[in-house]
Amino acid sequence: SGRLDSARAEVLARAGATALALRWFGGAEQPPTPCEVPVEMFVE
């Protein structure tokens, strides 16, 4: 879907996690589609 999964991050936060949802394609300065997405983005 390419969405920023903020709802899931909030559910995890209510359970005690520091949750960071990441939009990993289709956003600013990102690949427009899920194709050749750098794995380093997730490491960062």
ModelCIF file with pLDDT and N, C-alpha, C, O atoms, coordinates in Angstrom:
data_MODEL
#
_entry.id   MODEL 
#
_entity.id                         1 
_entity.type                       polymer 
_entity.pdbx_number_of_molecules   1 
#
_entity_poly.entity_id                      1 
_entity_poly.type                           'polypeptide(L)' 
_entity_poly.nstd_linkage                   no 
_entity_poly.nstd_monomer                   no 
_entity_poly.pdbx_seq_one_letter_code       SGRLDSARAEVLARAGATALALRWFGGAEQPPTPCEVPVEMFVE 
_entity_poly.pdbx_seq_one_letter_code_can   SGRLDSARAEVLARAGATALALRWFGGAEQPPTPCEVPVEMFVE 
_entity_poly.pdbx_strand_id                 A 
#
loop_
_entity_poly_seq.entity_id 
_entity_poly_seq.num 
_entity_poly_seq.mon_id 
_entity_poly_seq.hetero 
1 1  SER n 
1 2  GLY n 
1 3  ARG n 
1 4  LEU n 
1 5  ASP n 
1 6  SER n 
1 7  ALA n 
1 8  ARG n 
1 9  ALA n 
1 10 GLU n 
1 11 VAL n 
1 12 LEU n 
1 13 ALA n 
1 14 ARG n 
1 15 ALA n 
1 16 GLY n 
1 17 ALA n 
1 18 THR n 
1 19 ALA n 
1 20 LEU n 
1 21 ALA n 
1 22 LEU n 
1 23 ARG n 
1 24 TRP n 
1 25 PHE n 
1 26 GLY n 
1 27 GLY n 
1 28 ALA n 
1 29 GLU n 
1 30 GLN n 
1 31 PRO n 
1 32 PRO n 
1 33 THR n 
1 34 PRO n 
1 35 CYS n 
1 36 GLU n 
1 37 VAL n 
1 38 PRO n 
1 39 VAL n 
1 40 GLU n 
1 41 MET n 
1 42 PHE n 
1 43 VAL n 
1 44 GLU n 
#
_struct_asym.id          A 
_struct_asym.entity_id   1 
#
loop_
_ma_qa_metric.id 
_ma_qa_metric.mode 
_ma_qa_metric.name 
_ma_qa_metric.software_group_id 
_ma_qa_metric.type 
1 global pLDDT . pLDDT 
2 local  pLDDT . pLDDT 
#
_ma_qa_metric_global.metric_id      1 
_ma_qa_metric_global.metric_value   95.98 
_ma_qa_metric_global.model_id       1 
_ma_qa_metric_global.ordinal_id     1 
#
loop_
_ma_qa_metric_local.label_asym_id 
_ma_qa_metric_local.label_comp_id 
_ma_qa_metric_local.label_seq_id 
_ma_qa_metric_local.metric_id 
_ma_qa_metric_local.metric_value 
_ma_qa_metric_local.model_id 
_ma_qa_metric_local.ordinal_id 
A SER 1  2 90.00 1 1  
A GLY 2  2 86.00 1 2  
A ARG 3  2 90.00 1 3  
A LEU 4  2 95.00 1 4  
A ASP 5  2 96.00 1 5  
A SER 6  2 97.00 1 6  
A ALA 7  2 97.00 1 7  
A ARG 8  2 98.00 1 8  
A ALA 9  2 98.00 1 9  
A GLU 10 2 97.00 1 10 
A VAL 11 2 97.00 1 11 
A LEU 12 2 98.00 1 12 
A ALA 13 2 98.00 1 13 
A ARG 14 2 97.00 1 14 
A ALA 15 2 97.00 1 15 
A GLY 16 2 98.00 1 16 
A ALA 17 2 98.00 1 17 
A THR 18 2 98.00 1 18 
A ALA 19 2 98.00 1 19 
A LEU 20 2 98.00 1 20 
A ALA 21 2 98.00 1 21 
A LEU 22 2 98.00 1 22 
A ARG 23 2 98.00 1 23 
A TRP 24 2 97.00 1 24 
A PHE 25 2 96.00 1 25 
A GLY 26 2 95.00 1 26 
A GLY 27 2 93.00 1 27 
A ALA 28 2 89.00 1 28 
A GLU 29 2 89.00 1 29 
A GLN 30 2 93.00 1 30 
A PRO 31 2 94.00 1 31 
A PRO 32 2 95.00 1 32 
A THR 33 2 95.00 1 33 
A PRO 34 2 97.00 1 34 
A CYS 35 2 97.00 1 35 
A GLU 36 2 97.00 1 36 
A VAL 37 2 97.00 1 37 
A PRO 38 2 97.00 1 38 
A VAL 39 2 98.00 1 39 
A GLU 40 2 98.00 1 40 
A MET 41 2 97.00 1 41 
A PHE 42 2 98.00 1 42 
A VAL 43 2 98.00 1 43 
A GLU 44 2 98.00 1 44 
#
loop_
_atom_site.group_PDB 
_atom_site.id 
_atom_site.type_symbol 
_atom_site.label_atom_id 
_atom_site.label_alt_id 
_atom_site.label_comp_id 
_atom_site.label_asym_id 
_atom_site.label_entity_id 
_atom_site.label_seq_id 
_atom_site.pdbx_PDB_ins_code 
_atom_site.Cartn_x 
_atom_site.Cartn_y 
_atom_site.Cartn_z 
_atom_site.occupancy 
_atom_site.B_iso_or_equiv 
_atom_site.pdbx_formal_charge 
_atom_site.auth_seq_id 
_atom_site.auth_comp_id 
_atom_site.auth_asym_id 
_atom_site.auth_atom_id 
_atom_site.pdbx_PDB_model_num 
ATOM 1   N N  . SER A 1 1  ? 0.823  -1.211 0.000  1.00 90.00 ? 1  SER A N  1 
ATOM 2   C CA . SER A 1 1  ? 0.000  0.000  0.000  1.00 90.00 ? 1  SER A CA 1 
ATOM 3   C C  . SER A 1 1  ? 0.854  1.258  0.000  1.00 90.00 ? 1  SER A C  1 
ATOM 4   O O  . SER A 1 1  ? 0.428  2.312  -0.470 1.00 90.00 ? 1  SER A O  1 
ATOM 5   N N  . GLY A 1 2  ? 2.061  1.136  0.531  1.00 86.00 ? 2  GLY A N  1 
ATOM 6   C CA . GLY A 1 2  ? 2.927  2.290  0.610  1.00 86.00 ? 2  GLY A CA 1 
ATOM 7   C C  . GLY A 1 2  ? 2.548  3.288  1.684  1.00 86.00 ? 2  GLY A C  1 
ATOM 8   O O  . GLY A 1 2  ? 3.112  4.380  1.751  1.00 86.00 ? 2  GLY A O  1 
ATOM 9   N N  . ARG A 1 3  ? 1.593  2.918  2.526  1.00 90.00 ? 3  ARG A N  1 
ATOM 10  C CA . ARG A 1 3  ? 1.121  3.873  3.526  1.00 90.00 ? 3  ARG A CA 1 
ATOM 11  C C  . ARG A 1 3  ? 2.079  3.972  4.708  1.00 90.00 ? 3  ARG A C  1 
ATOM 12  O O  . ARG A 1 3  ? 2.911  3.095  4.940  1.00 90.00 ? 3  ARG A O  1 
ATOM 13  N N  . LEU A 1 4  ? 1.937  5.039  5.425  1.00 95.00 ? 4  LEU A N  1 
ATOM 14  C CA . LEU A 1 4  ? 2.628  5.221  6.698  1.00 95.00 ? 4  LEU A CA 1 
ATOM 15  C C  . LEU A 1 4  ? 1.732  4.579  7.754  1.00 95.00 ? 4  LEU A C  1 
ATOM 16  O O  . LEU A 1 4  ? 0.669  5.114  8.069  1.00 95.00 ? 4  LEU A O  1 
ATOM 17  N N  . ASP A 1 5  ? 2.147  3.449  8.300  1.00 96.00 ? 5  ASP A N  1 
ATOM 18  C CA . ASP A 1 5  ? 1.265  2.652  9.162  1.00 96.00 ? 5  ASP A CA 1 
ATOM 19  C C  . ASP A 1 5  ? 1.245  3.222  10.579 1.00 96.00 ? 5  ASP A C  1 
ATOM 20  O O  . ASP A 1 5  ? 1.711  2.590  11.527 1.00 96.00 ? 5  ASP A O  1 
ATOM 21  N N  . SER A 1 6  ? 0.696  4.431  10.699 1.00 97.00 ? 6  SER A N  1 
ATOM 22  C CA . SER A 1 6  ? 0.674  5.126  11.987 1.00 97.00 ? 6  SER A CA 1 
ATOM 23  C C  . SER A 1 6  ? -0.245 4.441  12.995 1.00 97.00 ? 6  SER A C  1 
ATOM 24  O O  . SER A 1 6  ? 0.044  4.442  14.192 1.00 97.00 ? 6  SER A O  1 
ATOM 25  N N  . ALA A 1 7  ? -1.357 3.851  12.521 1.00 97.00 ? 7  ALA A N  1 
ATOM 26  C CA . ALA A 1 7  ? -2.291 3.195  13.441 1.00 97.00 ? 7  ALA A CA 1 
ATOM 27  C C  . ALA A 1 7  ? -1.626 2.021  14.149 1.00 97.00 ? 7  ALA A C  1 
ATOM 28  O O  . ALA A 1 7  ? -1.813 1.827  15.350 1.00 97.00 ? 7  ALA A O  1 
ATOM 29  N N  . ARG A 1 8  ? -0.856 1.243  13.407 1.00 98.00 ? 8  ARG A N  1 
ATOM 30  C CA . ARG A 1 8  ? -0.167 0.094  14.028 1.00 98.00 ? 8  ARG A CA 1 
ATOM 31  C C  . ARG A 1 8  ? 0.889  0.575  15.011 1.00 98.00 ? 8  ARG A C  1 
ATOM 32  O O  . ARG A 1 8  ? 1.075  -0.022 16.072 1.00 98.00 ? 8  ARG A O  1 
ATOM 33  N N  . ALA A 1 9  ? 1.580  1.652  14.658 1.00 98.00 ? 9  ALA A N  1 
ATOM 34  C CA . ALA A 1 9  ? 2.583  2.201  15.567 1.00 98.00 ? 9  ALA A CA 1 
ATOM 35  C C  . ALA A 1 9  ? 1.939  2.658  16.876 1.00 98.00 ? 9  ALA A C  1 
ATOM 36  O O  . ALA A 1 9  ? 2.518  2.481  17.947 1.00 98.00 ? 9  ALA A O  1 
ATOM 37  N N  . GLU A 1 10 ? 0.745  3.245  16.793 1.00 97.00 ? 10 GLU A N  1 
ATOM 38  C CA . GLU A 1 10 ? 0.061  3.714  18.000 1.00 97.00 ? 10 GLU A CA 1 
ATOM 39  C C  . GLU A 1 10 ? -0.394 2.552  18.871 1.00 97.00 ? 10 GLU A C  1 
ATOM 40  O O  . GLU A 1 10 ? -0.336 2.634  20.098 1.00 97.00 ? 10 GLU A O  1 
ATOM 41  N N  . VAL A 1 11 ? -0.847 1.468  18.244 1.00 97.00 ? 11 VAL A N  1 
ATOM 42  C CA . VAL A 1 11 ? -1.249 0.280  19.015 1.00 97.00 ? 11 VAL A CA 1 
ATOM 43  C C  . VAL A 1 11 ? -0.051 -0.276 19.783 1.00 97.00 ? 11 VAL A C  1 
ATOM 44  O O  . VAL A 1 11 ? -0.165 -0.618 20.960 1.00 97.00 ? 11 VAL A O  1 
ATOM 45  N N  . LEU A 1 12 ? 1.081  -0.362 19.121 1.00 98.00 ? 12 LEU A N  1 
ATOM 46  C CA . LEU A 1 12 ? 2.281  -0.865 19.782 1.00 98.00 ? 12 LEU A CA 1 
ATOM 47  C C  . LEU A 1 12 ? 2.741  0.089  20.881 1.00 98.00 ? 12 LEU A C  1 
ATOM 48  O O  . LEU A 1 12 ? 3.232  -0.344 21.924 1.00 98.00 ? 12 LEU A O  1 
ATOM 49  N N  . ALA A 1 13 ? 2.581  1.385  20.641 1.00 98.00 ? 13 ALA A N  1 
ATOM 50  C CA . ALA A 1 13 ? 2.970  2.369  21.665 1.00 98.00 ? 13 ALA A CA 1 
ATOM 51  C C  . ALA A 1 13 ? 2.111  2.221  22.910 1.00 98.00 ? 13 ALA A C  1 
ATOM 52  O O  . ALA A 1 13 ? 2.616  2.355  24.024 1.00 98.00 ? 13 ALA A O  1 
ATOM 53  N N  . ARG A 1 14 ? 0.813  1.945  22.742 1.00 97.00 ? 14 ARG A N  1 
ATOM 54  C CA . ARG A 1 14 ? -0.059 1.762  23.899 1.00 97.00 ? 14 ARG A CA 1 
ATOM 55  C C  . ARG A 1 14 ? 0.329  0.524  24.695 1.00 97.00 ? 14 ARG A C  1 
ATOM 56  O O  . ARG A 1 14 ? 0.009  0.408  25.879 1.00 97.00 ? 14 ARG A O  1 
ATOM 57  N N  . ALA A 1 15 ? 1.020  -0.398 24.035 1.00 97.00 ? 15 ALA A N  1 
ATOM 58  C CA . ALA A 1 15 ? 1.489  -1.598 24.729 1.00 97.00 ? 15 ALA A CA 1 
ATOM 59  C C  . ALA A 1 15 ? 2.880  -1.410 25.310 1.00 97.00 ? 15 ALA A C  1 
ATOM 60  O O  . ALA A 1 15 ? 3.440  -2.340 25.891 1.00 97.00 ? 15 ALA A O  1 
ATOM 61  N N  . GLY A 1 16 ? 3.449  -0.206 25.158 1.00 98.00 ? 16 GLY A N  1 
ATOM 62  C CA . GLY A 1 16 ? 4.723  0.079  25.796 1.00 98.00 ? 16 GLY A CA 1 
ATOM 63  C C  . GLY A 1 16 ? 5.914  0.208  24.877 1.00 98.00 ? 16 GLY A C  1 
ATOM 64  O O  . GLY A 1 16 ? 7.034  0.377  25.358 1.00 98.00 ? 16 GLY A O  1 
ATOM 65  N N  . ALA A 1 17 ? 5.714  0.133  23.549 1.00 98.00 ? 17 ALA A N  1 
ATOM 66  C CA . ALA A 1 17 ? 6.835  0.226  22.609 1.00 98.00 ? 17 ALA A CA 1 
ATOM 67  C C  . ALA A 1 17 ? 7.064  1.668  22.172 1.00 98.00 ? 17 ALA A C  1 
ATOM 68  O O  . ALA A 1 17 ? 6.135  2.474  22.119 1.00 98.00 ? 17 ALA A O  1 
ATOM 69  N N  . THR A 1 18 ? 8.309  1.970  21.864 1.00 98.00 ? 18 THR A N  1 
ATOM 70  C CA . THR A 1 18 ? 8.611  3.177  21.098 1.00 98.00 ? 18 THR A CA 1 
ATOM 71  C C  . THR A 1 18 ? 8.578  2.742  19.644 1.00 98.00 ? 18 THR A C  1 
ATOM 72  O O  . THR A 1 18 ? 9.520  2.123  19.150 1.00 98.00 ? 18 THR A O  1 
ATOM 73  N N  . ALA A 1 19 ? 7.488  3.071  18.960 1.00 98.00 ? 19 ALA A N  1 
ATOM 74  C CA . ALA A 1 19 ? 7.247  2.543  17.619 1.00 98.00 ? 19 ALA A CA 1 
ATOM 75  C C  . ALA A 1 19 ? 7.462  3.629  16.570 1.00 98.00 ? 19 ALA A C  1 
ATOM 76  O O  . ALA A 1 19 ? 6.978  4.752  16.715 1.00 98.00 ? 19 ALA A O  1 
ATOM 77  N N  . LEU A 1 20 ? 8.183  3.288  15.526 1.00 98.00 ? 20 LEU A N  1 
ATOM 78  C CA . LEU A 1 20 ? 8.434  4.219  14.434 1.00 98.00 ? 20 LEU A CA 1 
ATOM 79  C C  . LEU A 1 20 ? 7.921  3.608  13.137 1.00 98.00 ? 20 LEU A C  1 
ATOM 80  O O  . LEU A 1 20 ? 8.495  2.647  12.623 1.00 98.00 ? 20 LEU A O  1 
ATOM 81  N N  . ALA A 1 21 ? 6.831  4.174  12.611 1.00 98.00 ? 21 ALA A N  1 
ATOM 82  C CA . ALA A 1 21 ? 6.309  3.734  11.320 1.00 98.00 ? 21 ALA A CA 1 
ATOM 83  C C  . ALA A 1 21 ? 7.076  4.454  10.216 1.00 98.00 ? 21 ALA A C  1 
ATOM 84  O O  . ALA A 1 21 ? 7.320  5.658  10.302 1.00 98.00 ? 21 ALA A O  1 
ATOM 85  N N  . LEU A 1 22 ? 7.452  3.716  9.186  1.00 98.00 ? 22 LEU A N  1 
ATOM 86  C CA . LEU A 1 22 ? 8.240  4.258  8.085  1.00 98.00 ? 22 LEU A CA 1 
ATOM 87  C C  . LEU A 1 22 ? 7.513  4.060  6.763  1.00 98.00 ? 22 LEU A C  1 
ATOM 88  O O  . LEU A 1 22 ? 7.143  2.940  6.409  1.00 98.00 ? 22 LEU A O  1 
ATOM 89  N N  . ARG A 1 23 ? 7.311  5.151  6.040  1.00 98.00 ? 23 ARG A N  1 
ATOM 90  C CA . ARG A 1 23 ? 6.887  5.024  4.645  1.00 98.00 ? 23 ARG A CA 1 
ATOM 91  C C  . ARG A 1 23 ? 8.153  4.765  3.841  1.00 98.00 ? 23 ARG A C  1 
ATOM 92  O O  . ARG A 1 23 ? 9.066  5.590  3.843  1.00 98.00 ? 23 ARG A O  1 
ATOM 93  N N  . TRP A 1 24 ? 8.218  3.622  3.148  1.00 97.00 ? 24 TRP A N  1 
ATOM 94  C CA . TRP A 1 24 ? 9.481  3.238  2.527  1.00 97.00 ? 24 TRP A CA 1 
ATOM 95  C C  . TRP A 1 24 ? 9.493  3.347  0.998  1.00 97.00 ? 24 TRP A C  1 
ATOM 96  O O  . TRP A 1 24 ? 10.507 3.063  0.361  1.00 97.00 ? 24 TRP A O  1 
ATOM 97  N N  . PHE A 1 25 ? 8.383  3.752  0.424  1.00 96.00 ? 25 PHE A N  1 
ATOM 98  C CA . PHE A 1 25 ? 8.390  4.111  -0.996 1.00 96.00 ? 25 PHE A CA 1 
ATOM 99  C C  . PHE A 1 25 ? 7.226  5.065  -1.248 1.00 96.00 ? 25 PHE A C  1 
ATOM 100 O O  . PHE A 1 25 ? 6.255  5.104  -0.492 1.00 96.00 ? 25 PHE A O  1 
ATOM 101 N N  . GLY A 1 26 ? 7.350  5.829  -2.327 1.00 95.00 ? 26 GLY A N  1 
ATOM 102 C CA . GLY A 1 26 ? 6.277  6.741  -2.703 1.00 95.00 ? 26 GLY A CA 1 
ATOM 103 C C  . GLY A 1 26 ? 6.271  8.051  -1.950 1.00 95.00 ? 26 GLY A C  1 
ATOM 104 O O  . GLY A 1 26 ? 5.401  8.889  -2.190 1.00 95.00 ? 26 GLY A O  1 
ATOM 105 N N  . GLY A 1 27 ? 7.218  8.256  -1.044 1.00 93.00 ? 27 GLY A N  1 
ATOM 106 C CA . GLY A 1 27 ? 7.280  9.489  -0.279 1.00 93.00 ? 27 GLY A CA 1 
ATOM 107 C C  . GLY A 1 27 ? 8.371  10.415 -0.788 1.00 93.00 ? 27 GLY A C  1 
ATOM 108 O O  . GLY A 1 27 ? 8.958  10.193 -1.847 1.00 93.00 ? 27 GLY A O  1 
ATOM 109 N N  . ALA A 1 28 ? 8.622  11.438 -0.022 1.00 89.00 ? 28 ALA A N  1 
ATOM 110 C CA . ALA A 1 28 ? 9.648  12.410 -0.400 1.00 89.00 ? 28 ALA A CA 1 
ATOM 111 C C  . ALA A 1 28 ? 11.019 11.751 -0.476 1.00 89.00 ? 28 ALA A C  1 
ATOM 112 O O  . ALA A 1 28 ? 11.440 11.063 0.455  1.00 89.00 ? 28 ALA A O  1 
ATOM 113 N N  . GLU A 1 29 ? 11.710 11.966 -1.592 1.00 89.00 ? 29 GLU A N  1 
ATOM 114 C CA . GLU A 1 29 ? 13.068 11.466 -1.805 1.00 89.00 ? 29 GLU A CA 1 
ATOM 115 C C  . GLU A 1 29 ? 13.142 9.939  -1.690 1.00 89.00 ? 29 GLU A C  1 
ATOM 116 O O  . GLU A 1 29 ? 14.130 9.392  -1.200 1.00 89.00 ? 29 GLU A O  1 
ATOM 117 N N  . GLN A 1 30 ? 12.089 9.264  -2.147 1.00 93.00 ? 30 GLN A N  1 
ATOM 118 C CA . GLN A 1 30 ? 12.047 7.810  -2.109 1.00 93.00 ? 30 GLN A CA 1 
ATOM 119 C C  . GLN A 1 30 ? 11.708 7.262  -3.488 1.00 93.00 ? 30 GLN A C  1 
ATOM 120 O O  . GLN A 1 30 ? 11.197 7.996  -4.333 1.00 93.00 ? 30 GLN A O  1 
ATOM 121 N N  . PRO A 1 31 ? 11.987 5.968  -3.731 1.00 94.00 ? 31 PRO A N  1 
ATOM 122 C CA . PRO A 1 31 ? 11.541 5.356  -4.979 1.00 94.00 ? 31 PRO A CA 1 
ATOM 123 C C  . PRO A 1 31 ? 10.024 5.473  -5.105 1.00 94.00 ? 31 PRO A C  1 
ATOM 124 O O  . PRO A 1 31 ? 9.314  5.304  -4.114 1.00 94.00 ? 31 PRO A O  1 
ATOM 125 N N  . PRO A 1 32 ? 9.513  5.759  -6.305 1.00 95.00 ? 32 PRO A N  1 
ATOM 126 C CA . PRO A 1 32 ? 8.064  5.937  -6.462 1.00 95.00 ? 32 PRO A CA 1 
ATOM 127 C C  . PRO A 1 32 ? 7.268  4.654  -6.295 1.00 95.00 ? 32 PRO A C  1 
ATOM 128 O O  . PRO A 1 32 ? 6.087  4.701  -5.950 1.00 95.00 ? 32 PRO A O  1 
ATOM 129 N N  . THR A 1 33 ? 7.893  3.514  -6.534 1.00 95.00 ? 33 THR A N  1 
ATOM 130 C CA . THR A 1 33 ? 7.240  2.211  -6.398 1.00 95.00 ? 33 THR A CA 1 
ATOM 131 C C  . THR A 1 33 ? 8.171  1.273  -5.631 1.00 95.00 ? 33 THR A C  1 
ATOM 132 O O  . THR A 1 33 ? 9.353  1.575  -5.469 1.00 95.00 ? 33 THR A O  1 
ATOM 133 N N  . PRO A 1 34 ? 7.649  0.137  -5.156 1.00 97.00 ? 34 PRO A N  1 
ATOM 134 C CA . PRO A 1 34 ? 8.531  -0.821 -4.478 1.00 97.00 ? 34 PRO A CA 1 
ATOM 135 C C  . PRO A 1 34 ? 9.440  -1.541 -5.464 1.00 97.00 ? 34 PRO A C  1 
ATOM 136 O O  . PRO A 1 34 ? 9.215  -2.701 -5.813 1.00 97.00 ? 34 PRO A O  1 
ATOM 137 N N  . CYS A 1 35 ? 10.463 -0.833 -5.902 1.00 97.00 ? 35 CYS A N  1 
ATOM 138 C CA . CYS A 1 35 ? 11.418 -1.381 -6.854 1.00 97.00 ? 35 CYS A CA 1 
ATOM 139 C C  . CYS A 1 35 ? 12.800 -0.783 -6.555 1.00 97.00 ? 35 CYS A C  1 
ATOM 140 O O  . CYS A 1 35 ? 12.968 0.435  -6.508 1.00 97.00 ? 35 CYS A O  1 
ATOM 141 N N  . GLU A 1 36 ? 13.773 -1.661 -6.356 1.00 97.00 ? 36 GLU A N  1 
ATOM 142 C CA . GLU A 1 36 ? 15.137 -1.254 -6.024 1.00 97.00 ? 36 GLU A CA 1 
ATOM 143 C C  . GLU A 1 36 ? 15.161 -0.251 -4.866 1.00 97.00 ? 36 GLU A C  1 
ATOM 144 O O  . GLU A 1 36 ? 15.780 0.810  -4.943 1.00 97.00 ? 36 GLU A O  1 
ATOM 145 N N  . VAL A 1 37 ? 14.471 -0.624 -3.806 1.00 97.00 ? 37 VAL A N  1 
ATOM 146 C CA . VAL A 1 37 ? 14.455 0.173  -2.579 1.00 97.00 ? 37 VAL A CA 1 
ATOM 147 C C  . VAL A 1 37 ? 15.706 -0.183 -1.777 1.00 97.00 ? 37 VAL A C  1 
ATOM 148 O O  . VAL A 1 37 ? 15.948 -1.366 -1.537 1.00 97.00 ? 37 VAL A O  1 
ATOM 149 N N  . PRO A 1 38 ? 16.506 0.789  -1.357 1.00 97.00 ? 38 PRO A N  1 
ATOM 150 C CA . PRO A 1 38 ? 17.722 0.477  -0.589 1.00 97.00 ? 38 PRO A CA 1 
ATOM 151 C C  . PRO A 1 38 ? 17.389 -0.095 0.795  1.00 97.00 ? 38 PRO A C  1 
ATOM 152 O O  . PRO A 1 38 ? 16.644 0.518  1.560  1.00 97.00 ? 38 PRO A O  1 
ATOM 153 N N  . VAL A 1 39 ? 17.933 -1.249 1.106  1.00 98.00 ? 39 VAL A N  1 
ATOM 154 C CA . VAL A 1 39 ? 17.752 -1.839 2.427  1.00 98.00 ? 39 VAL A CA 1 
ATOM 155 C C  . VAL A 1 39 ? 18.368 -0.933 3.495  1.00 98.00 ? 39 VAL A C  1 
ATOM 156 O O  . VAL A 1 39 ? 17.952 -0.951 4.654  1.00 98.00 ? 39 VAL A O  1 
ATOM 157 N N  . GLU A 1 40 ? 19.359 -0.143 3.092  1.00 98.00 ? 40 GLU A N  1 
ATOM 158 C CA . GLU A 1 40 ? 19.989 0.785  4.032  1.00 98.00 ? 40 GLU A CA 1 
ATOM 159 C C  . GLU A 1 40 ? 18.999 1.792  4.613  1.00 98.00 ? 40 GLU A C  1 
ATOM 160 O O  . GLU A 1 40 ? 19.241 2.345  5.686  1.00 98.00 ? 40 GLU A O  1 
ATOM 161 N N  . MET A 1 41 ? 17.882 2.035  3.914  1.00 97.00 ? 41 MET A N  1 
ATOM 162 C CA . MET A 1 41 ? 16.867 2.946  4.439  1.00 97.00 ? 41 MET A CA 1 
ATOM 163 C C  . MET A 1 41 ? 16.314 2.427  5.765  1.00 97.00 ? 41 MET A C  1 
ATOM 164 O O  . MET A 1 41 ? 16.083 3.199  6.696  1.00 97.00 ? 41 MET A O  1 
ATOM 165 N N  . PHE A 1 42 ? 16.104 1.119  5.841  1.00 98.00 ? 42 PHE A N  1 
ATOM 166 C CA . PHE A 1 42 ? 15.573 0.520  7.063  1.00 98.00 ? 42 PHE A CA 1 
ATOM 167 C C  . PHE A 1 42 ? 16.634 0.521  8.170  1.00 98.00 ? 42 PHE A C  1 
ATOM 168 O O  . PHE A 1 42 ? 16.316 0.723  9.342  1.00 98.00 ? 42 PHE A O  1 
ATOM 169 N N  . VAL A 1 43 ? 17.874 0.297  7.794  1.00 98.00 ? 43 VAL A N  1 
ATOM 170 C CA . VAL A 1 43 ? 18.967 0.346  8.768  1.00 98.00 ? 43 VAL A CA 1 
ATOM 171 C C  . VAL A 1 43 ? 19.071 1.754  9.351  1.00 98.00 ? 43 VAL A C  1 
ATOM 172 O O  . VAL A 1 43 ? 19.273 1.922  10.554 1.00 98.00 ? 43 VAL A O  1 
ATOM 173 N N  . GLU A 1 44 ? 18.931 2.766  8.486  1.00 98.00 ? 44 GLU A N  1 
ATOM 174 C CA . GLU A 1 44 ? 18.977 4.145  8.975  1.00 98.00 ? 44 GLU A CA 1 
ATOM 175 C C  . GLU A 1 44 ? 17.813 4.433  9.911  1.00 98.00 ? 44 GLU A C  1 
ATOM 176 O O  . GLU A 1 44 ? 17.691 5.548  10.419 1.00 98.00 ? 44 GLU A O  1 
#
